[in-house]
Amino acid sequence: MGRSVDVDNLVSASEIAEMLGLSHHNSVTTYYRRYPDFPDPVVDKSNGRIRLWDKRDIQSWQRRRG
């Protein structure tokens, strides 16, 4: 069975871009590929066209990166 996640904590690439101060949501995919410690999405459907992350994972990653 997969990880249990509160749906209220799910965020899209657009929301992550805003959280991280990135200019475009496509930059999140770049981060995902570039940084091996970037969190994996908790939802990954349609060959990566639909990805959602747990906001807490992103916030934790952001704190670790400074």
PDB file of N, CA and C in Angstrom:
ATOM      1  N   MET A   1       0.839  -1.179   0.000  1.00  0.00           N
ATOM      2  CA  MET A   1       0.000   0.000   0.000  1.00  0.00           C
ATOM      3  C   MET A   1       0.882   1.240   0.000  1.00  0.00           C
ATOM      4  N   GLY A   2       0.406   2.295  -0.655  1.00  0.00           N
ATOM      5  CA  GLY A   2       1.150   3.540  -0.762  1.00  0.00           C
ATOM      6  C   GLY A   2       1.081   4.372   0.509  1.00  0.00           C
ATOM      7  N   ARG A   3       1.747   5.452   0.463  1.00  0.00           N
ATOM      8  CA  ARG A   3       1.823   6.403   1.570  1.00  0.00           C
ATOM      9  C   ARG A   3       0.484   7.122   1.754  1.00  0.00           C
ATOM     10  N   SER A   4       0.087   7.328   2.975  1.00  0.00           N
ATOM     11  CA  SER A   4      -1.134   8.065   3.279  1.00  0.00           C
ATOM     12  C   SER A   4      -0.804   9.558   3.361  1.00  0.00           C
ATOM     13  N   VAL A   5      -1.562  10.362   2.604  1.00  0.00           N
ATOM     14  CA  VAL A   5      -1.313  11.797   2.540  1.00  0.00           C
ATOM     15  C   VAL A   5      -2.642  12.527   2.678  1.00  0.00           C
ATOM     16  N   ASP A   6      -2.638  13.589   3.447  1.00  0.00           N
ATOM     17  CA  ASP A   6      -3.809  14.446   3.573  1.00  0.00           C
ATOM     18  C   ASP A   6      -3.944  15.249   2.276  1.00  0.00           C
ATOM     19  N   VAL A   7      -5.082  15.174   1.624  1.00  0.00           N
ATOM     20  CA  VAL A   7      -5.258  15.857   0.338  1.00  0.00           C
ATOM     21  C   VAL A   7      -5.082  17.365   0.462  1.00  0.00           C
ATOM     22  N   ASP A   8      -5.286  17.911   1.645  1.00  0.00           N
ATOM     23  CA  ASP A   8      -5.085  19.340   1.847  1.00  0.00           C
ATOM     24  C   ASP A   8      -3.613  19.736   1.752  1.00  0.00           C
ATOM     25  N   ASN A   9      -2.711  18.754   1.845  1.00  0.00           N
ATOM     26  CA  ASN A   9      -1.273  19.017   1.759  1.00  0.00           C
ATOM     27  C   ASN A   9      -0.709  18.800   0.357  1.00  0.00           C
ATOM     28  N   LEU A  10      -1.548  18.403  -0.596  1.00  0.00           N
ATOM     29  CA  LEU A  10      -1.064  18.173  -1.952  1.00  0.00           C
ATOM     30  C   LEU A  10      -0.879  19.503  -2.678  1.00  0.00           C
ATOM     31  N   VAL A  11       0.264  19.636  -3.345  1.00  0.00           N
ATOM     32  CA  VAL A  11       0.548  20.847  -4.106  1.00  0.00           C
ATOM     33  C   VAL A  11       1.028  20.485  -5.505  1.00  0.00           C
ATOM     34  N   SER A  12       0.691  21.340  -6.443  1.00  0.00           N
ATOM     35  CA  SER A  12       1.079  21.159  -7.841  1.00  0.00           C
ATOM     36  C   SER A  12       2.422  21.848  -8.102  1.00  0.00           C
ATOM     37  N   ALA A  13       2.931  21.647  -9.296  1.00  0.00           N
ATOM     38  CA  ALA A  13       4.182  22.297  -9.696  1.00  0.00           C
ATOM     39  C   ALA A  13       4.034  23.823  -9.659  1.00  0.00           C
ATOM     40  N   SER A  14       2.885  24.329 -10.031  1.00  0.00           N
ATOM     41  CA  SER A  14       2.666  25.785  -9.992  1.00  0.00           C
ATOM     42  C   SER A  14       2.748  26.318  -8.568  1.00  0.00           C
ATOM     43  N   GLU A  15       2.170  25.586  -7.637  1.00  0.00           N
ATOM     44  CA  GLU A  15       2.207  26.014  -6.236  1.00  0.00           C
ATOM     45  C   GLU A  15       3.624  25.914  -5.671  1.00  0.00           C
ATOM     46  N   ILE A  16       4.344  24.878  -6.068  1.00  0.00           N
ATOM     47  CA  ILE A  16       5.732  24.727  -5.627  1.00  0.00           C
ATOM     48  C   ILE A  16       6.588  25.847  -6.186  1.00  0.00           C
ATOM     49  N   ALA A  17       6.387  26.173  -7.445  1.00  0.00           N
ATOM     50  CA  ALA A  17       7.144  27.273  -8.056  1.00  0.00           C
ATOM     51  C   ALA A  17       6.937  28.552  -7.254  1.00  0.00           C
ATOM     52  N   GLU A  18       5.720  28.803  -6.854  1.00  0.00           N
ATOM     53  CA  GLU A  18       5.436  29.993  -6.050  1.00  0.00           C
ATOM     54  C   GLU A  18       6.130  29.904  -4.692  1.00  0.00           C
ATOM     55  N   MET A  19       6.069  28.735  -4.054  1.00  0.00           N
ATOM     56  CA  MET A  19       6.700  28.541  -2.745  1.00  0.00           C
ATOM     57  C   MET A  19       8.208  28.788  -2.812  1.00  0.00           C
ATOM     58  N   LEU A  20       8.832  28.337  -3.909  1.00  0.00           N
ATOM     59  CA  LEU A  20      10.288  28.417  -4.037  1.00  0.00           C
ATOM     60  C   LEU A  20      10.757  29.697  -4.730  1.00  0.00           C
ATOM     61  N   GLY A  21       9.814  30.522  -5.167  1.00  0.00           N
ATOM     62  CA  GLY A  21      10.173  31.771  -5.831  1.00  0.00           C
ATOM     63  C   GLY A  21      10.677  31.562  -7.249  1.00  0.00           C
ATOM     64  N   LEU A  22      10.184  30.522  -7.901  1.00  0.00           N
ATOM     65  CA  LEU A  22      10.574  30.237  -9.283  1.00  0.00           C
ATOM     66  C   LEU A  22       9.625  30.956 -10.234  1.00  0.00           C
ATOM     67  N   SER A  23      10.123  31.328 -11.398  1.00  0.00           N
ATOM     68  CA  SER A  23       9.313  32.111 -12.327  1.00  0.00           C
ATOM     69  C   SER A  23       8.323  31.269 -13.134  1.00  0.00           C
ATOM     70  N   HIS A  24       8.547  29.965 -13.219  1.00  0.00           N
ATOM     71  CA  HIS A  24       7.680  29.136 -14.053  1.00  0.00           C
ATOM     72  C   HIS A  24       7.534  27.750 -13.452  1.00  0.00           C
ATOM     73  N   HIS A  25       6.352  27.176 -13.605  1.00  0.00           N
ATOM     74  CA  HIS A  25       6.110  25.850 -13.024  1.00  0.00           C
ATOM     75  C   HIS A  25       6.983  24.762 -13.655  1.00  0.00           C
ATOM     76  N   ASN A  26       7.427  24.962 -14.890  1.00  0.00           N
ATOM     77  CA  ASN A  26       8.314  23.977 -15.519  1.00  0.00           C
ATOM     78  C   ASN A  26       9.658  23.875 -14.804  1.00  0.00           C
ATOM     79  N   SER A  27      10.028  24.908 -14.062  1.00  0.00           N
ATOM     80  CA  SER A  27      11.279  24.875 -13.305  1.00  0.00           C
ATOM     81  C   SER A  27      11.255  23.797 -12.232  1.00  0.00           C
ATOM     82  N   VAL A  28      10.072  23.433 -11.765  1.00  0.00           N
ATOM     83  CA  VAL A  28       9.960  22.381 -10.751  1.00  0.00           C
ATOM     84  C   VAL A  28      10.436  21.054 -11.337  1.00  0.00           C
ATOM     85  N   THR A  29      10.089  20.772 -12.573  1.00  0.00           N
ATOM     86  CA  THR A  29      10.569  19.558 -13.229  1.00  0.00           C
ATOM     87  C   THR A  29      12.085  19.586 -13.355  1.00  0.00           C
ATOM     88  N   THR A  30      12.632  20.737 -13.661  1.00  0.00           N
ATOM     89  CA  THR A  30      14.085  20.894 -13.736  1.00  0.00           C
ATOM     90  C   THR A  30      14.716  20.592 -12.380  1.00  0.00           C
ATOM     91  N   TYR A  31      14.148  21.147 -11.322  1.00  0.00           N
ATOM     92  CA  TYR A  31      14.652  20.874  -9.972  1.00  0.00           C
ATOM     93  C   TYR A  31      14.556  19.385  -9.665  1.00  0.00           C
ATOM     94  N   TYR A  32      13.438  18.785 -10.000  1.00  0.00           N
ATOM     95  CA  TYR A  32      13.217  17.357  -9.729  1.00  0.00           C
ATOM     96  C   TYR A  32      14.283  16.496 -10.402  1.00  0.00           C
ATOM     97  N   ARG A  33      14.675  16.868 -11.597  1.00  0.00           N
ATOM     98  CA  ARG A  33      15.701  16.117 -12.330  1.00  0.00           C
ATOM     99  C   ARG A  33      17.120  16.478 -11.894  1.00  0.00           C
ATOM    100  N   ARG A  34      17.348  17.717 -11.525  1.00  0.00           N
ATOM    101  CA  ARG A  34      18.690  18.209 -11.216  1.00  0.00           C
ATOM    102  C   ARG A  34      19.152  17.846  -9.804  1.00  0.00           C
ATOM    103  N   TYR A  35      18.242  17.917  -8.841  1.00  0.00           N
ATOM    104  CA  TYR A  35      18.618  17.723  -7.441  1.00  0.00           C
ATOM    105  C   TYR A  35      18.149  16.352  -6.946  1.00  0.00           C
ATOM    106  N   PRO A  36      19.089  15.444  -6.704  1.00  0.00           N
ATOM    107  CA  PRO A  36      18.703  14.091  -6.291  1.00  0.00           C
ATOM    108  C   PRO A  36      17.942  14.046  -4.968  1.00  0.00           C
ATOM    109  N   ASP A  37      18.077  15.098  -4.158  1.00  0.00           N
ATOM    110  CA  ASP A  37      17.376  15.112  -2.874  1.00  0.00           C
ATOM    111  C   ASP A  37      16.015  15.817  -2.947  1.00  0.00           C
ATOM    112  N   PHE A  38      15.628  16.279  -4.152  1.00  0.00           N
ATOM    113  CA  PHE A  38      14.312  16.901  -4.295  1.00  0.00           C
ATOM    114  C   PHE A  38      13.254  15.826  -4.072  1.00  0.00           C
ATOM    115  N   PRO A  39      12.217  16.142  -3.314  1.00  0.00           N
ATOM    116  CA  PRO A  39      11.208  15.118  -2.986  1.00  0.00           C
ATOM    117  C   PRO A  39      10.531  14.525  -4.219  1.00  0.00           C
ATOM    118  N   ASP A  40      10.223  13.252  -4.112  1.00  0.00           N
ATOM    119  CA  ASP A  40       9.443  12.585  -5.148  1.00  0.00           C
ATOM    120  C   ASP A  40       7.982  12.995  -5.007  1.00  0.00           C
ATOM    121  N   PRO A  41       7.281  13.082  -6.127  1.00  0.00           N
ATOM    122  CA  PRO A  41       5.845  13.372  -6.026  1.00  0.00           C
ATOM    123  C   PRO A  41       5.131  12.200  -5.350  1.00  0.00           C
ATOM    124  N   VAL A  42       4.065  12.494  -4.638  1.00  0.00           N
ATOM    125  CA  VAL A  42       3.274  11.424  -4.019  1.00  0.00           C
ATOM    126  C   VAL A  42       2.201  10.934  -4.981  1.00  0.00           C
ATOM    127  N   VAL A  43       1.917  11.726  -6.006  1.00  0.00           N
ATOM    128  CA  VAL A  43       1.021  11.327  -7.099  1.00  0.00           C
ATOM    129  C   VAL A  43       1.772  11.579  -8.402  1.00  0.00           C
ATOM    130  N   ASP A  44       1.887  10.535  -9.219  1.00  0.00           N
ATOM    131  CA  ASP A  44       2.566  10.663 -10.516  1.00  0.00           C
ATOM    132  C   ASP A  44       1.772   9.842 -11.524  1.00  0.00           C
ATOM    133  N   LYS A  45       0.961  10.511 -12.304  1.00  0.00           N
ATOM    134  CA  LYS A  45       0.062   9.855 -13.257  1.00  0.00           C
ATOM    135  C   LYS A  45       0.324  10.347 -14.679  1.00  0.00           C
ATOM    136  N   SER A  46      -0.161   9.606 -15.633  1.00  0.00           N
ATOM    137  CA  SER A  46      -0.110   9.976 -17.045  1.00  0.00           C
ATOM    138  C   SER A  46       1.315  10.277 -17.500  1.00  0.00           C
ATOM    139  N   ASN A  47       2.220   9.361 -17.179  1.00  0.00           N
ATOM    140  CA  ASN A  47       3.625   9.506 -17.571  1.00  0.00           C
ATOM    141  C   ASN A  47       4.227  10.837 -17.148  1.00  0.00           C
ATOM    142  N   GLY A  48       3.933  11.254 -15.926  1.00  0.00           N
ATOM    143  CA  GLY A  48       4.520  12.468 -15.386  1.00  0.00           C
ATOM    144  C   GLY A  48       3.780  13.745 -15.722  1.00  0.00           C
ATOM    145  N   ARG A  49       2.693  13.641 -16.448  1.00  0.00           N
ATOM    146  CA  ARG A  49       1.944  14.861 -16.806  1.00  0.00           C
ATOM    147  C   ARG A  49       1.150  15.399 -15.625  1.00  0.00           C
ATOM    148  N   ILE A  50       0.810  14.508 -14.695  1.00  0.00           N
ATOM    149  CA  ILE A  50       0.109  14.923 -13.479  1.00  0.00           C
ATOM    150  C   ILE A  50       0.972  14.518 -12.293  1.00  0.00           C
ATOM    151  N   ARG A  51       1.526  15.509 -11.628  1.00  0.00           N
ATOM    152  CA  ARG A  51       2.354  15.258 -10.449  1.00  0.00           C
ATOM    153  C   ARG A  51       1.891  16.159  -9.321  1.00  0.00           C
ATOM    154  N   LEU A  52       1.780  15.563  -8.152  1.00  0.00           N
ATOM    155  CA  LEU A  52       1.448  16.310  -6.948  1.00  0.00           C
ATOM    156  C   LEU A  52       2.420  15.906  -5.855  1.00  0.00           C
ATOM    157  N   TRP A  53       2.840  16.874  -5.075  1.00  0.00           N
ATOM    158  CA  TRP A  53       3.780  16.647  -3.994  1.00  0.00           C
ATOM    159  C   TRP A  53       3.100  16.933  -2.668  1.00  0.00           C
ATOM    160  N   ASP A  54       3.668  16.375  -1.611  1.00  0.00           N
ATOM    161  CA  ASP A  54       3.234  16.719  -0.258  1.00  0.00           C
ATOM    162  C   ASP A  54       3.937  18.025   0.120  1.00  0.00           C
ATOM    163  N   LYS A  55       3.157  19.035   0.437  1.00  0.00           N
ATOM    164  CA  LYS A  55       3.698  20.352   0.748  1.00  0.00           C
ATOM    165  C   LYS A  55       4.744  20.278   1.864  1.00  0.00           C
ATOM    166  N   ARG A  56       4.534  19.400   2.834  1.00  0.00           N
ATOM    167  CA  ARG A  56       5.478  19.275   3.949  1.00  0.00           C
ATOM    168  C   ARG A  56       6.839  18.781   3.469  1.00  0.00           C
ATOM    169  N   ASP A  57       6.860  17.903   2.458  1.00  0.00           N
ATOM    170  CA  ASP A  57       8.130  17.431   1.892  1.00  0.00           C
ATOM    171  C   ASP A  57       8.890  18.573   1.228  1.00  0.00           C
ATOM    172  N   ILE A  58       8.161  19.407   0.500  1.00  0.00           N
ATOM    173  CA  ILE A  58       8.781  20.543  -0.184  1.00  0.00           C
ATOM    174  C   ILE A  58       9.313  21.545   0.834  1.00  0.00           C
ATOM    175  N   GLN A  59       8.522  21.833   1.852  1.00  0.00           N
ATOM    176  CA  GLN A  59       8.955  22.773   2.892  1.00  0.00           C
ATOM    177  C   GLN A  59      10.197  22.264   3.617  1.00  0.00           C
ATOM    178  N   SER A  60      10.222  20.988   3.898  1.00  0.00           N
ATOM    179  CA  SER A  60      11.383  20.390   4.557  1.00  0.00           C
ATOM    180  C   SER A  60      12.615  20.474   3.653  1.00  0.00           C
ATOM    181  N   TRP A  61      12.464  20.176   2.383  1.00  0.00           N
ATOM    182  CA  TRP A  61      13.565  20.260   1.421  1.00  0.00           C
ATOM    183  C   TRP A  61      14.077  21.696   1.348  1.00  0.00           C
ATOM    184  N   GLN A  62      13.151  22.640   1.300  1.00  0.00           N
ATOM    185  CA  GLN A  62      13.518  24.053   1.207  1.00  0.00           C
ATOM    186  C   GLN A  62      14.320  24.481   2.448  1.00  0.00           C
ATOM    187  N   ARG A  63      13.920  24.046   3.632  1.00  0.00           N
ATOM    188  CA  ARG A  63      14.654  24.387   4.857  1.00  0.00           C
ATOM    189  C   ARG A  63      16.063  23.788   4.839  1.00  0.00           C
ATOM    190  N   ARG A  64      16.193  22.547   4.393  1.00  0.00           N
ATOM    191  CA  ARG A  64      17.495  21.904   4.325  1.00  0.00           C
ATOM    192  C   ARG A  64      18.423  22.602   3.342  1.00  0.00           C
ATOM    193  N   ARG A  65      17.877  23.130   2.256  1.00  0.00           N
ATOM    194  CA  ARG A  65      18.686  23.787   1.222  1.00  0.00           C
ATOM    195  C   ARG A  65      19.052  25.215   1.599  1.00  0.00           C
ATOM    196  N   GLY A  66      18.311  25.768   2.561  1.00  0.00           N
ATOM    197  CA  GLY A  66      18.610  27.137   3.013  1.00  0.00           C
ATOM    198  C   GLY A  66      18.057  28.111   2.112  1.00  0.00           C
TER     199      GLY A  66
END
